[in-house]
Amino acid sequence: MAAIFNKLSTIFSSDDTLPWTDREMISSEVAKEGAGITPEKDRNESLMRLAWALVHSREPSNVLRGIAMLEAAFDKKAGPLQTREILYLLAVGHYRNGDYVKSRRLVEQALEIAPDFRQALMLRSLIEDKIAKDGIIGVGIAAAAVGLVASGVACVVAARKR
């Protein structure tokens, strides 16, 4: 019985090992961004730090803002390193929003650029685990629904026989 309980607890537990940010960290990055840094390189780095903080937030609205910033910053002329980082952060944002399919697609694109990108490899593993767990839960819910329908039909048939 304990083994079954442990399996169920691992299915419903969150194994999200990605870092989280809080309001203070985001506010700090917003203040830095608003300080009017003029060189383009510094501005890009500041925007990337702010986007990182936003997609790692516990607040869904911040995650959405981070995704929007990254999508706006996604430039086809960017170098491979910056493209890899943007794709990875977009994948984190979509993972945090529960869009695991889109997150997996983005992390795979980042890994095409840099196959040894450890953070992306870890995120891909988290995504695959989450998709598998959601599949198991979905199968369980479907089986329970089928059981309820079957018992309802059995009750109706039994009532008609009387």
Protein backbone atom coordinates (compact mmCIF):
# COMPACT_ATOMS: atom_id res chain seq x y z
CA MET A 1 0.00 0.00 0.00
CA ALA A 2 2.86 2.38 0.82
CA ALA A 3 4.41 1.76 -2.60
CA ILE A 4 1.16 2.75 -4.33
CA PHE A 5 0.88 5.89 -2.18
CA ASN A 6 4.49 6.86 -3.03
CA LYS A 7 3.84 6.39 -6.76
CA LEU A 8 0.69 8.53 -6.56
CA SER A 9 2.46 11.24 -4.57
CA THR A 10 5.23 11.45 -7.18
CA ILE A 11 2.66 11.76 -9.94
CA PHE A 12 0.90 14.68 -8.24
CA SER A 13 3.99 16.37 -6.83
CA SER A 14 5.77 19.20 -8.60
CA ASP A 15 9.31 18.37 -9.66
CA ASP A 16 9.89 21.86 -11.03
CA THR A 17 13.55 22.49 -10.25
CA LEU A 18 13.71 25.70 -12.28
CA PRO A 19 14.49 28.82 -10.26
CA TRP A 20 11.67 31.11 -9.13
CA THR A 21 11.74 34.89 -8.84
CA ASP A 22 9.80 37.17 -6.55
CA ARG A 23 8.34 40.67 -6.86
CA GLU A 24 11.44 42.33 -5.42
CA MET A 25 13.73 40.79 -7.99
CA ILE A 26 11.41 41.78 -10.84
CA SER A 27 11.06 45.30 -9.43
CA SER A 28 14.83 45.58 -9.24
CA GLU A 29 15.19 44.57 -12.91
CA VAL A 30 12.42 46.99 -13.94
CA ALA A 31 14.20 49.80 -12.08
CA LYS A 32 17.48 48.96 -13.82
CA GLU A 33 15.74 48.87 -17.21
CA GLY A 34 14.08 52.20 -16.50
CA ALA A 35 17.39 53.82 -15.56
CA GLY A 36 17.96 54.76 -19.20
CA ILE A 37 20.98 52.66 -20.10
CA THR A 38 22.02 53.96 -23.50
CA PRO A 39 24.48 51.54 -25.13
CA GLU A 40 22.55 48.96 -27.18
CA LYS A 41 24.50 46.01 -25.75
CA ASP A 42 23.75 47.06 -22.16
CA ARG A 43 20.09 47.61 -23.03
CA ASN A 44 19.82 44.15 -24.61
CA GLU A 45 21.42 42.55 -21.55
CA SER A 46 19.08 44.48 -19.27
CA LEU A 47 16.05 43.39 -21.28
CA MET A 48 17.21 39.76 -21.17
CA ARG A 49 17.66 39.93 -17.36
CA LEU A 50 14.17 41.40 -17.00
CA ALA A 51 12.68 38.76 -19.32
CA TRP A 52 14.51 36.04 -17.33
CA ALA A 53 13.04 37.36 -14.09
CA LEU A 54 9.55 37.56 -15.58
CA VAL A 55 9.41 34.03 -17.04
CA HIS A 56 10.72 32.61 -13.76
CA SER A 57 7.99 34.36 -11.75
CA ARG A 58 5.25 32.61 -9.80
CA GLU A 59 2.75 35.16 -11.15
CA PRO A 60 1.18 34.03 -14.45
CA SER A 61 0.74 37.64 -15.58
CA ASN A 62 4.50 38.24 -15.20
CA VAL A 63 5.25 35.08 -17.14
CA LEU A 64 3.00 36.28 -19.97
CA ARG A 65 4.76 39.68 -19.96
CA GLY A 66 8.13 37.92 -20.17
CA ILE A 67 6.95 35.79 -23.09
CA ALA A 68 5.69 38.88 -24.90
CA MET A 69 9.00 40.68 -24.34
CA LEU A 70 10.99 37.72 -25.62
CA GLU A 71 8.79 37.26 -28.68
CA ALA A 72 9.23 40.96 -29.47
CA ALA A 73 13.00 40.65 -28.98
CA PHE A 74 13.28 37.55 -31.14
CA ASP A 75 15.32 38.81 -34.05
CA LYS A 76 16.26 36.57 -36.94
CA LYS A 77 19.50 38.58 -37.26
CA ALA A 78 20.57 37.79 -33.69
CA GLY A 79 23.59 35.61 -33.16
CA PRO A 80 23.22 31.94 -32.27
CA LEU A 81 24.00 32.49 -28.59
CA GLN A 82 21.30 35.13 -28.15
CA THR A 83 18.82 33.12 -30.22
CA ARG A 84 19.51 30.06 -28.06
CA GLU A 85 18.91 32.09 -24.88
CA ILE A 86 15.67 33.60 -26.17
CA LEU A 87 14.37 30.20 -27.28
CA TYR A 88 15.26 28.70 -23.90
CA LEU A 89 13.56 31.51 -21.95
CA LEU A 90 10.48 31.25 -24.17
CA ALA A 91 10.43 27.51 -23.44
CA VAL A 92 10.62 28.24 -19.70
CA GLY A 93 7.74 30.71 -19.97
CA HIS A 94 5.52 28.29 -21.87
CA TYR A 95 6.45 25.49 -19.44
CA ARG A 96 5.40 27.67 -16.51
CA ASN A 97 2.11 28.44 -18.30
CA GLY A 98 1.43 24.74 -18.85
CA ASP A 99 1.89 24.77 -22.63
CA TYR A 100 4.25 21.81 -22.62
CA VAL A 101 4.01 21.04 -26.33
CA LYS A 102 5.10 24.55 -27.34
CA SER A 103 7.74 24.52 -24.62
CA ARG A 104 9.15 21.24 -25.93
CA ARG A 105 9.25 22.58 -29.50
CA LEU A 106 11.15 25.71 -28.37
CA VAL A 107 13.64 23.81 -26.23
CA GLU A 108 14.31 21.46 -29.16
CA GLN A 109 15.06 24.50 -31.35
CA ALA A 110 17.50 25.77 -28.70
CA LEU A 111 19.16 22.35 -28.60
CA GLU A 112 19.55 22.37 -32.39
CA ILE A 113 21.72 25.46 -31.94
CA ALA A 114 23.63 24.09 -28.95
CA PRO A 115 23.14 20.34 -28.36
CA ASP A 116 25.14 20.44 -25.11
CA PHE A 117 23.12 23.31 -23.54
CA ARG A 118 22.67 21.84 -20.04
CA GLN A 119 19.80 24.08 -18.95
CA ALA A 120 17.83 23.20 -22.07
CA LEU A 121 18.56 19.50 -21.60
CA MET A 122 17.27 19.72 -18.01
CA LEU A 123 14.17 21.62 -19.13
CA ARG A 124 13.49 19.05 -21.85
CA SER A 125 13.63 16.34 -19.20
CA LEU A 126 11.18 18.27 -16.99
CA ILE A 127 8.83 18.76 -19.94
CA GLU A 128 8.91 15.07 -20.88
CA ASP A 129 8.21 14.07 -17.26
CA LYS A 130 5.32 16.52 -17.05
CA ILE A 131 3.80 15.31 -20.33
CA ALA A 132 4.08 11.69 -19.17
CA LYS A 133 2.49 12.50 -15.79
CA ASP A 134 -0.32 14.45 -17.43
CA GLY A 135 -0.91 11.49 -19.75
CA ILE A 136 -1.15 9.09 -16.82
CA ILE A 137 -3.56 11.41 -15.00
CA GLY A 138 -5.61 11.83 -18.20
CA VAL A 139 -5.86 8.07 -18.67
CA GLY A 140 -6.96 7.70 -15.03
CA ILE A 141 -9.65 10.36 -15.42
CA ALA A 142 -10.87 8.78 -18.66
CA ALA A 143 -11.00 5.35 -17.03
CA ALA A 144 -12.97 6.75 -14.10
CA ALA A 145 -15.40 8.46 -16.48
CA VAL A 146 -15.91 5.22 -18.43
CA GLY A 147 -16.51 3.39 -15.15
CA LEU A 148 -19.12 5.94 -14.08
CA VAL A 149 -20.92 5.75 -17.43
CA ALA A 150 -20.86 1.94 -17.35
CA SER A 151 -22.26 1.83 -13.81
CA GLY A 152 -24.95 4.33 -14.80
CA VAL A 153 -25.94 2.19 -17.78
CA ALA A 154 -25.98 -0.90 -15.55
CA CYS A 155 -28.29 0.87 -13.09
CA VAL A 156 -30.68 1.90 -15.87
CA VAL A 157 -30.73 -1.65 -17.30
CA ALA A 158 -31.33 -3.12 -13.83
CA ALA A 159 -34.15 -0.65 -13.17
CA ARG A 160 -35.89 -1.52 -16.47
CA LYS A 161 -35.79 -5.24 -15.68
CA ARG A 162 -37.85 -4.70 -12.54
